[in-house]
Protein backbone atom coordinates (compact mmCIF):
# COMPACT_ATOMS: atom_id res chain seq x y z
CA UNK A 1 7.51 19.54 14.55
CA UNK A 2 5.37 17.31 12.54
CA UNK A 3 5.99 16.92 8.57
CA UNK A 4 3.25 19.17 7.24
CA UNK A 5 4.36 22.19 9.25
CA UNK A 6 8.07 21.22 8.21
CA UNK A 7 7.15 21.50 4.52
CA UNK A 8 4.97 24.57 5.40
CA UNK A 9 8.18 26.26 6.64
CA UNK A 10 10.12 25.30 3.56
CA UNK A 11 7.44 27.17 1.46
CA UNK A 12 7.25 30.04 3.74
CA UNK A 13 11.31 30.43 3.95
CA UNK A 14 11.52 29.98 -0.21
CA UNK A 15 13.60 26.63 0.42
CA UNK A 16 11.32 24.49 -2.09
CA UNK A 17 12.86 21.37 -3.22
CA UNK A 18 11.86 20.47 -7.14
CA UNK A 19 10.76 16.89 -6.03
CA UNK A 20 9.52 15.23 -2.33
CA UNK A 21 9.70 11.64 -1.90
CA UNK A 22 6.92 10.67 0.87
CA UNK A 23 7.48 7.36 2.33
CA UNK A 24 6.08 5.43 4.85
CA UNK A 25 3.05 2.78 5.62
CA UNK A 26 0.15 5.42 6.69
CA UNK A 27 -0.96 6.02 2.77
CA UNK A 28 -3.99 8.22 3.96
CA UNK A 29 -1.75 10.60 5.79
CA UNK A 30 0.89 11.10 3.09
CA UNK A 31 -1.72 11.78 0.87
CA UNK A 32 -3.54 14.39 2.72
CA UNK A 33 -0.19 16.23 3.62
CA UNK A 34 0.86 15.67 -0.08
CA UNK A 35 -3.01 17.48 -1.12
CA UNK A 36 -2.20 20.60 1.65
CA UNK A 37 1.20 21.15 0.61
CA UNK A 38 0.24 21.26 -3.23
CA UNK A 39 -2.52 23.80 -2.17
CA UNK A 40 -0.11 25.93 -0.54
CA UNK A 41 2.03 25.75 -3.33
CA UNK A 42 -0.43 26.71 -5.72
CA UNK A 43 -3.10 28.81 -3.63
CA UNK A 44 -1.18 30.58 -0.61
CA UNK A 45 -4.63 30.87 0.87
CA UNK A 46 -6.96 31.66 -1.88
CA UNK A 47 -10.18 29.53 -1.14
CA UNK A 48 -11.65 29.20 -5.38
CA UNK A 49 -7.80 28.02 -5.93
CA UNK A 50 -8.17 25.32 -2.92
CA UNK A 51 -11.33 23.59 -4.42
CA UNK A 52 -9.88 23.64 -7.64
CA UNK A 53 -7.21 21.39 -6.85
CA UNK A 54 -9.18 19.36 -4.12
CA UNK A 55 -11.37 18.88 -7.25
CA UNK A 56 -8.90 18.07 -9.91
CA UNK A 57 -9.48 21.28 -11.59
CA UNK A 58 -6.69 23.30 -11.02
CA UNK A 59 -4.64 23.81 -14.32
CA UNK A 60 -1.60 23.43 -12.86
CA UNK A 61 -1.61 20.55 -10.68
CA UNK A 62 -1.72 17.00 -11.62
CA UNK A 63 -2.42 13.96 -10.16
CA UNK A 64 -1.96 10.64 -10.88
CA UNK A 65 -2.73 7.21 -9.54
CA UNK A 66 -4.19 3.91 -10.37
CA UNK A 67 -6.58 1.39 -8.94
CA UNK A 68 -4.50 -1.60 -11.49
CA UNK A 69 -1.24 -3.15 -10.04
CA UNK A 70 0.60 -0.26 -12.55
CA UNK A 71 0.89 3.02 -13.56
CA UNK A 72 0.64 3.59 -17.34
CA UNK A 73 3.39 4.44 -19.85
CA UNK A 74 0.40 6.91 -20.92
CA UNK A 75 -0.21 8.38 -17.78
CA UNK A 76 3.54 9.62 -17.32
CA UNK A 77 3.82 11.03 -20.95
CA UNK A 78 0.17 12.99 -20.20
CA UNK A 79 1.87 14.37 -16.92
CA UNK A 80 5.67 15.35 -18.67
CA UNK A 81 3.18 17.12 -21.86
CA UNK A 82 1.38 18.92 -18.98
CA UNK A 83 4.28 19.43 -16.72
CA UNK A 84 6.52 21.16 -19.60
CA UNK A 85 4.01 23.78 -20.24
CA UNK A 86 4.17 27.52 -18.54
CA UNK A 87 1.58 27.99 -15.19
CA UNK A 88 -1.48 29.19 -16.42
CA UNK A 89 -2.60 30.51 -12.94
CA UNK A 90 0.25 30.81 -10.37
CA UNK A 91 4.03 30.90 -10.39
CA UNK A 92 4.00 27.38 -9.83
CA UNK A 93 3.09 24.05 -10.99
CA UNK A 94 2.95 20.98 -9.00
CA UNK A 95 2.24 17.03 -9.58
CA UNK A 96 1.42 14.01 -7.32
CA UNK A 97 1.72 10.62 -8.07
CA UNK A 98 0.23 7.93 -5.53
CA UNK A 99 1.95 4.84 -5.26
CA UNK A 100 5.27 5.46 -6.97
CA UNK A 101 6.06 1.99 -6.85
CA UNK A 102 3.36 1.26 -9.24
CA UNK A 103 5.29 2.90 -12.06
CA UNK A 104 6.52 0.89 -14.83
CA UNK A 105 10.56 0.79 -15.79
CA UNK A 106 9.52 3.29 -18.67
CA UNK A 107 7.60 5.11 -16.78
CA UNK A 108 10.06 5.18 -13.79
CA UNK A 109 12.88 6.36 -16.59
CA UNK A 110 10.41 8.82 -17.92
CA UNK A 111 9.93 10.36 -14.33
CA UNK A 112 13.96 10.50 -13.83
CA UNK A 113 14.65 12.32 -16.93
CA UNK A 114 11.91 15.19 -15.82
CA UNK A 115 13.54 14.92 -12.25
CA UNK A 116 17.04 14.99 -13.78
CA UNK A 117 15.77 18.50 -15.71
CA UNK A 118 13.06 19.87 -14.07
CA UNK A 119 11.19 22.44 -15.54
CA UNK A 120 11.24 25.88 -13.98
CA UNK A 121 8.74 25.98 -10.82
CA UNK A 122 7.53 22.76 -10.98
CA UNK A 123 7.10 20.12 -7.94
CA UNK A 124 7.19 17.01 -7.22
CA UNK A 125 5.33 14.85 -5.12
CA UNK A 126 5.85 11.13 -5.02
CA UNK A 127 4.35 9.19 -2.62
CA UNK A 128 5.22 5.53 -1.59
CA UNK A 129 4.67 2.86 0.72
CA UNK A 130 7.37 0.56 -0.78
CA UNK A 131 9.94 2.92 -1.17
CA UNK A 132 12.68 -0.05 -1.70
CA UNK A 133 11.22 -0.73 -5.09
CA UNK A 134 11.86 2.63 -6.13
CA UNK A 135 15.18 3.38 -8.53
CA UNK A 136 18.24 4.50 -6.44
CA UNK A 137 18.61 7.43 -8.75
CA UNK A 138 15.13 8.67 -8.08
CA UNK A 139 15.75 8.32 -4.48
CA UNK A 140 18.95 10.24 -4.82
CA UNK A 141 17.26 13.22 -6.75
CA UNK A 142 14.20 13.83 -3.81
CA UNK A 143 14.02 15.33 -0.75
CA UNK A 144 12.18 12.35 1.14
CA UNK A 145 10.23 12.87 4.08
CA UNK A 146 9.50 10.08 6.49
CA UNK A 147 5.90 9.16 7.85
CA UNK A 148 5.69 7.54 11.19
CA UNK A 149 3.96 4.23 10.96
CA UNK A 150 0.24 4.49 11.53
CA UNK A 151 -0.88 2.61 14.65
CA UNK A 152 -2.81 -0.31 13.88
CA UNK A 153 -4.89 -0.63 16.80
CA UNK A 154 -5.77 2.64 15.97
CA UNK A 155 -6.71 1.62 12.42
CA UNK A 156 -8.79 -1.39 13.45
CA UNK A 157 -10.95 0.74 15.94
CA UNK A 158 -11.22 3.72 13.13
CA UNK A 159 -12.86 0.46 11.34
CA UNK A 160 -15.21 -0.80 13.88
CA UNK A 161 -16.40 2.88 14.13
CA UNK A 162 -17.32 2.15 10.45
CA UNK A 163 -19.34 -1.02 11.50
CA UNK A 164 -16.83 -3.11 9.90
CA UNK A 165 -16.72 -6.38 12.33
CA UNK A 166 -14.00 -5.94 14.33
CA UNK A 167 -11.99 -9.77 12.78
CA UNK A 168 -13.02 -8.21 9.48
CA UNK A 169 -11.51 -5.06 10.93
CA UNK A 170 -8.09 -7.07 11.81
CA UNK A 171 -7.70 -8.94 8.82
CA UNK A 172 -8.01 -5.98 6.50
CA UNK A 173 -5.40 -4.18 8.50
CA UNK A 174 -3.16 -6.63 7.12
CA UNK A 175 -3.72 -5.52 3.40
CA UNK A 176 -3.97 -1.59 3.70
CA UNK A 177 -4.06 1.34 6.00
CA UNK A 178 -6.45 3.04 3.75
CA UNK A 179 -9.59 3.87 5.33
CA UNK A 180 -11.42 4.38 1.98
CA UNK A 181 -9.51 1.33 0.46
CA UNK A 182 -10.97 -1.18 3.43
CA UNK A 183 -14.52 0.33 3.67
CA UNK A 184 -14.93 -0.11 0.36
CA UNK A 185 -13.73 -3.85 -0.04
CA UNK A 186 -16.03 -4.41 2.55
CA UNK A 187 -18.61 -3.08 0.84
CA UNK A 188 -18.45 -4.92 -2.11
CA UNK A 189 -17.36 -8.54 -0.61
CA UNK A 190 -18.21 -10.79 1.32
CA UNK A 191 -15.49 -10.53 3.97
CA UNK A 192 -16.70 -12.47 6.91
CA UNK A 193 -16.96 -15.68 4.69
CA UNK A 194 -13.50 -14.73 3.07
CA UNK A 195 -11.99 -14.62 6.28
CA UNK A 196 -13.48 -18.24 7.25
CA UNK A 197 -12.16 -19.68 4.13
CA UNK A 198 -8.83 -18.11 4.66
CA UNK A 199 -8.31 -19.58 8.17
CA UNK A 200 -9.94 -23.24 7.06
CA UNK A 201 -7.22 -23.31 4.18
CA UNK A 202 -4.45 -21.91 6.69
CA UNK A 203 -5.32 -24.97 9.19
CA UNK A 204 -5.29 -27.04 6.06
CA UNK A 205 -1.48 -25.88 5.04
CA UNK A 206 -0.31 -27.34 8.28
CA UNK A 207 -2.40 -30.45 9.15
CA UNK A 208 -3.40 -31.73 5.82
CA UNK A 209 -1.79 -30.86 2.39
CA UNK A 210 -3.18 -32.97 -0.02
CA UNK A 211 -6.74 -31.13 1.22
CA UNK A 212 -5.20 -27.68 1.34
CA UNK A 213 -4.50 -28.18 -2.87
CA UNK A 214 -7.69 -29.08 -3.30
CA UNK A 215 -8.95 -26.02 -0.62
CA UNK A 216 -7.44 -23.33 -3.26
CA UNK A 217 -10.53 -23.84 -5.41
CA UNK A 218 -12.78 -22.45 -2.50
CA UNK A 219 -10.01 -20.22 -1.73
CA UNK A 220 -10.45 -18.62 -5.43
CA UNK A 221 -13.92 -18.71 -5.54
CA UNK A 222 -14.64 -16.46 -2.85
CA UNK A 223 -11.04 -14.32 -3.61
CA UNK A 224 -12.22 -13.31 -7.37
CA UNK A 225 -10.18 -10.61 -8.00
CA UNK A 226 -6.51 -9.34 -7.59
CA UNK A 227 -7.28 -7.55 -4.30
CA UNK A 228 -9.06 -9.84 -2.94
CA UNK A 229 -5.93 -12.66 -3.36
CA UNK A 230 -3.50 -9.77 -2.24
CA UNK A 231 -6.03 -9.20 0.72
CA UNK A 232 -6.03 -13.26 1.46
CA UNK A 233 -1.75 -13.43 0.90
CA UNK A 234 -1.82 -10.82 3.44
CA UNK A 235 -4.21 -12.55 5.90
CA UNK A 236 -2.34 -15.87 5.49
CA UNK A 237 1.11 -14.09 5.93
CA UNK A 238 -0.33 -12.60 9.28
CA UNK A 239 -1.66 -15.82 10.76
CA UNK A 240 2.08 -17.15 10.55
CA UNK A 241 3.07 -13.49 11.90
CA UNK A 242 0.76 -14.57 14.86
CA UNK A 243 2.44 -17.63 15.03
CA UNK A 244 6.25 -16.22 14.95
CA UNK A 245 5.00 -14.02 17.61
CA UNK A 246 3.56 -16.63 19.99
CA UNK A 247 6.81 -18.62 19.45
CA UNK A 248 8.93 -15.69 20.53
CA UNK A 249 6.54 -14.39 23.17
CA UNK A 250 5.06 -11.08 21.79
CA UNK A 251 1.04 -11.96 21.85
CA UNK A 252 0.44 -8.57 22.34
CA UNK A 253 0.59 -7.73 18.30
CA UNK A 254 -1.58 -11.00 17.25
CA UNK A 255 -3.62 -10.30 14.59
CA UNK A 256 -6.21 -12.66 15.31
CA UNK A 257 -7.08 -11.91 18.61
CA UNK A 258 -9.74 -14.70 18.72
CA UNK A 259 -7.52 -17.91 17.26
CA UNK A 260 -5.29 -17.74 20.27
CA UNK A 261 -5.23 -20.67 21.56
CA UNK A 262 -4.92 -22.53 17.46
CA UNK A 263 -1.74 -20.03 17.26
CA UNK A 264 -0.06 -21.01 20.37
CA UNK A 265 -0.75 -24.90 19.43
CA UNK A 266 0.74 -24.22 15.97
CA UNK A 267 3.81 -22.65 17.49
CA UNK A 268 4.39 -25.48 19.73
CA UNK A 269 4.84 -27.77 16.66
CA UNK A 270 6.59 -25.66 14.09
CA UNK A 271 10.31 -24.90 14.16
CA UNK A 272 11.16 -21.15 13.62
CA UNK A 273 12.80 -22.69 10.26
CA UNK A 274 9.42 -23.96 9.08
CA UNK A 275 7.68 -20.41 9.90
CA UNK A 276 10.49 -18.84 8.28
CA UNK A 277 9.87 -21.12 5.03
CA UNK A 278 6.09 -19.84 4.74
CA UNK A 279 7.30 -16.77 5.17
CA UNK A 280 9.31 -16.67 2.02
CA UNK A 281 6.85 -18.93 0.17
CA UNK A 282 4.28 -15.91 0.97
CA UNK A 283 6.78 -13.02 -0.28
CA UNK A 284 7.55 -15.23 -3.67
CA UNK A 285 3.58 -15.46 -3.95
CA UNK A 286 3.18 -12.03 -3.64
CA UNK A 287 5.40 -11.16 -6.33
CA UNK A 288 4.32 -13.67 -9.08
CA UNK A 289 0.76 -12.31 -8.25
CA UNK A 290 1.64 -8.87 -9.15
CA UNK A 291 3.32 -10.39 -12.15
CA UNK A 292 0.04 -11.68 -13.32
CA UNK A 293 0.90 -15.10 -12.96
CA UNK A 294 -2.00 -17.59 -12.53
CA UNK A 295 -3.06 -17.01 -9.45
CA UNK A 296 -3.98 -21.28 -8.78
CA UNK A 297 -0.60 -21.55 -9.69
CA UNK A 298 0.49 -19.16 -7.03
CA UNK A 299 -1.05 -20.62 -4.32
CA UNK A 300 -0.38 -23.86 -5.44
CA UNK A 301 3.12 -23.24 -4.86
CA UNK A 302 2.51 -22.20 -1.44
CA UNK A 303 1.41 -25.66 -0.67
CA UNK A 304 3.73 -27.59 -2.01
CA UNK A 305 7.02 -25.74 -1.19
CA UNK A 306 5.64 -24.80 2.46
CA UNK A 307 6.11 -26.44 5.48
CA UNK A 308 6.41 -30.24 5.11
C-alpha cells in the first residue's frame, strides 16, 4: 500500500493525526501526496473546493515555502495567526510547510508550541528532505510518513525527455530531485559551460592546487548565485563520490558516466582517507555557504584543506 492510500485510509476511518512529517529525498512526490491529502481532508471530493486548494485560495488551507535559504519568522507568525482561527468553509484547517528544515530556530519554536497545543481540527503536514536537521521535539510530536528514494536514473531520463542534455541532467541529479527546479535552472543558466568549469576545477584540485585557487575566480563567474554555488558543491561532491565508487568497485552508480577513464585513474592515485577528507571539506563548505559565508572563502578552504 502506498503512502497516499494509507493517509486516505486514516481519513476515512477517522484516525487523523494532528501533525505529519513527510520525509525522504523525493520532494516532488511528497508535495504531490501532501496536496492530495489536504484536498481530501478539506474537500472530500468537492471539485470547486479542490480547485481552490490547488490555487492556494481555500481559506482553511495555507502553504508555506521559500525560494531562499530560510523560511522567515513572519511567514510562520502569519501561519499561526491564520490557523488559530475557526474553519470558514468546512470542519478542518490544513497547513503544509515545504522544506521544513529551512525554518529558523525561532520559527521551529513557534511551530513546536503550536504542535504541543494544536487548535482543534487543525492538521499540520511538514515536508523535509533533511529530517536530521529538525528538532527532536518536533519529530516526537509528528506521525512520520517515509517516502522511498526516487530512482536517480528515472529522474535523469525524465530530464532528458524534457530536452535537457544528458550530461547536464546527470549533474542536476546531484543537486535536486524536483523536476521543476531542475528545468528552471537549465532554462535560466548555461549549465553546459558550468559543468565544464566544475570538472576542470576538480582536475585542478587533484593535480595543481595553486591553479585551483586561481580557478575559483572562473568557477564563481559561472556560479553567480547561491543556487548555482550549491549545485557546484553537489557536482564536486558527486565527482569524489564517483572516485569512491570506482575505488570500491561500484561503477554502476557513476554520476559522470562520460568520465569513467579519468575517475578510475584518480581512484588508483588517491587513498581512501584522501577521498574521505575531500568529502569532509565539501560537507563543511556546504554548511558555510548556507550560513552566508563569502563563497570565495568557502571554495578556497576546499583547496587549502583538501587532498595534499
